Protein backbone atom coordinates (compact mmCIF):
# COMPACT_ATOMS: atom_id res chain seq x y z
CA MET A 1 97.45 -14.12 147.65
CA ASN A 2 96.99 -13.36 143.98
CA ILE A 3 95.18 -15.96 141.82
CA THR A 4 95.11 -15.86 138.03
CA THR A 5 93.12 -18.33 135.87
CA ALA A 6 93.74 -18.94 132.16
CA ILE A 7 91.60 -21.29 130.11
CA ASP A 8 92.64 -22.76 126.78
CA GLY A 9 90.04 -25.19 125.37
CA THR A 10 89.56 -28.00 127.86
CA SER A 11 92.65 -27.03 129.90
CA ALA A 12 93.00 -24.46 132.66
CA ARG A 13 96.00 -23.05 134.46
CA ILE A 14 95.58 -21.52 137.90
CA THR A 15 98.64 -19.48 138.88
CA LEU A 16 99.01 -18.27 142.40
CA ARG A 17 101.42 -15.89 144.10
CA GLY A 18 101.78 -16.52 147.82
CA ASP A 19 101.64 -19.31 150.31
CA VAL A 20 99.10 -22.14 150.42
CA ASP A 21 97.63 -22.55 153.89
CA PHE A 22 94.19 -22.93 155.45
CA ASP A 23 93.51 -19.20 155.05
CA THR A 24 94.18 -19.32 151.28
CA LEU A 25 92.57 -22.73 150.64
CA PRO A 26 88.95 -21.45 150.26
CA PRO A 27 89.76 -18.91 147.49
CA LEU A 28 91.90 -21.50 145.70
CA ARG A 29 89.07 -24.05 145.80
CA SER A 30 86.68 -21.33 144.63
CA ALA A 31 88.92 -20.62 141.65
CA ALA A 32 88.86 -24.30 140.68
CA ASP A 33 85.09 -24.56 141.26
CA ALA A 34 84.52 -21.53 139.02
CA LEU A 35 86.05 -23.30 136.03
CA PRO A 36 83.56 -24.16 133.24
CA ALA A 37 82.32 -27.76 133.11
CA HIS A 38 84.11 -28.41 129.82
CA VAL A 39 87.53 -27.98 131.52
CA THR A 40 88.93 -31.51 132.07
CA ASP A 41 92.61 -30.67 132.81
CA LEU A 42 93.72 -28.36 135.64
CA LEU A 43 97.29 -27.26 136.05
CA TRP A 44 98.28 -25.61 139.32
CA ASP A 45 101.24 -23.25 138.65
CA LEU A 46 103.22 -23.02 141.88
CA HIS A 47 106.28 -21.13 140.58
CA HIS A 48 105.49 -18.23 142.93
CA THR A 49 104.49 -20.39 145.94
CA PRO A 50 107.43 -20.63 148.39
CA PHE A 51 105.43 -22.33 151.18
CA MET A 52 102.66 -24.87 151.37
CA ASP A 53 101.32 -26.52 154.52
CA VAL A 54 98.95 -29.49 154.79
CA ALA A 55 96.24 -27.35 153.14
CA GLY A 56 98.16 -27.81 149.88
CA LEU A 57 97.75 -31.56 150.23
CA HIS A 58 93.98 -31.04 150.63
CA LEU A 59 93.95 -28.78 147.57
CA LEU A 60 95.82 -31.20 145.32
CA PHE A 61 94.40 -34.51 146.55
CA ASP A 62 90.99 -34.07 148.21
CA HIS A 63 89.19 -31.67 145.98
CA THR A 64 86.50 -32.72 143.53
CA PRO A 65 84.34 -30.25 141.65
CA VAL A 66 80.93 -29.50 143.15
CA ASP A 67 79.26 -29.97 139.76
CA GLY A 68 80.72 -31.27 136.54
CA PRO A 69 83.30 -33.85 135.55
CA ALA A 70 86.35 -34.91 137.53
CA ARG A 71 89.45 -33.10 136.42
CA ARG A 72 92.93 -34.40 135.90
CA THR A 73 95.11 -32.32 138.21
CA THR A 74 98.76 -31.59 137.57
CA VAL A 75 101.28 -29.19 139.08
CA THR A 76 104.21 -27.22 137.76
CA GLY A 77 106.84 -25.02 139.36
CA LEU A 78 107.17 -26.88 142.65
CA ARG A 79 109.69 -25.06 144.80
CA GLN A 80 111.81 -26.71 147.45
CA GLN A 81 109.52 -26.61 150.47
CA PRO A 82 106.25 -27.61 148.68
CA LEU A 83 108.09 -30.40 146.87
CA ARG A 84 109.53 -31.63 150.18
CA LEU A 85 106.05 -31.67 151.70
CA LEU A 86 104.67 -33.68 148.78
CA LEU A 87 107.52 -36.19 148.90
CA LEU A 88 107.19 -36.60 152.66
CA ALA A 89 103.45 -37.17 152.38
CA ALA A 90 104.00 -39.70 149.57
CA ASP A 91 106.64 -41.48 151.63
CA LEU A 92 104.38 -41.74 154.71
CA HIS A 93 101.14 -42.52 152.90
CA PRO A 94 101.85 -43.58 149.27
CA ALA A 95 98.33 -44.80 148.56
CA THR A 96 96.76 -41.53 149.68
CA PHE A 97 99.32 -39.14 148.22
CA ASP A 98 100.24 -40.58 144.83
CA VAL A 99 102.44 -37.76 143.60
CA SER A 100 103.05 -39.55 140.31
CA ARG A 101 99.49 -38.63 139.27
CA LEU A 102 100.47 -34.99 139.66
CA ARG A 103 103.33 -35.48 137.22
CA PRO A 104 105.64 -33.05 139.04
CA GLU A 105 108.57 -31.73 137.17
CA THR A 106 111.97 -33.33 137.76
CA PRO A 107 112.87 -32.66 141.41
CA PRO A 108 115.79 -30.36 142.10
CA ALA A 109 119.20 -32.01 142.39
CA ALA A 110 118.96 -31.96 146.18
CA PHE A 111 116.07 -34.43 145.99
CA GLN A 112 117.47 -36.76 143.34
CA GLN A 113 119.16 -39.88 144.55
CA ALA A 114 122.64 -40.36 143.26
CA ALA A 115 123.16 -43.41 141.15
CA PRO A 116 125.17 -46.07 142.96
CA GLU A 117 128.77 -46.23 141.90
CA ARG A 118 129.91 -49.35 140.18
CA PRO A 119 133.24 -50.88 141.07
């Protein structure tokens, strides 16, 4: 796992290369906890994350900073398997896993529902 953090004003982007699982969850949380208190927006860049298990749900939905303000968390670069996991979690428990707050990018065509045909 390779983790890169970039800060621009009150926004931070954490980019990771590798899978998100319970072995990689602690260093990812540490990267988020290490952000300065003035950072209010956190973007997880998952372009290079082909696999995410339930640990990814904990990372995106359960984590609050140890000290400092709550941060608005968003994601970018969701690949097929992580996106499928998020959509499944949202389908099973929509109140717990509100993916709309993550503002994911437009899902791939395989996940978009086709518009009903009109006669």
